[in-house]
């Protein structure tokens, strides 16, 4: 008897889930997009990169947009689970136009979780 197993890459699944929850999202006016991936200790960079590509391909991102991604693994996240947050700003990252407070920090690429 053959055994069949389905392998899921948590960051890719998180990206697909994000895209399906906002099917008409457009970031064509964004100057800076930050993709923050958070997962458990088994989070693998190649999987995060695949998730980032999935998001970039699925979002309407303008040609002049700077895309940055961050990944963080932590033992408090369940195995085979990941979360992704997409933050877009109209100002350029170097100009300080992301905003103030937490919004500006996240727009600049900082990550927070509890």
Foldseek 3Di string as FASTA:
>chain_A
DDDDDDDDLALLVQLVVVCVVPVQAEQQLFQEKEKEKEAAPPHDPVSNVNSVVSNVVRYNYHPNHHYYYYYYHYHVHDPSHMHMDMQTANDHLVVQRQDDDPSSVVSNPDDDDD
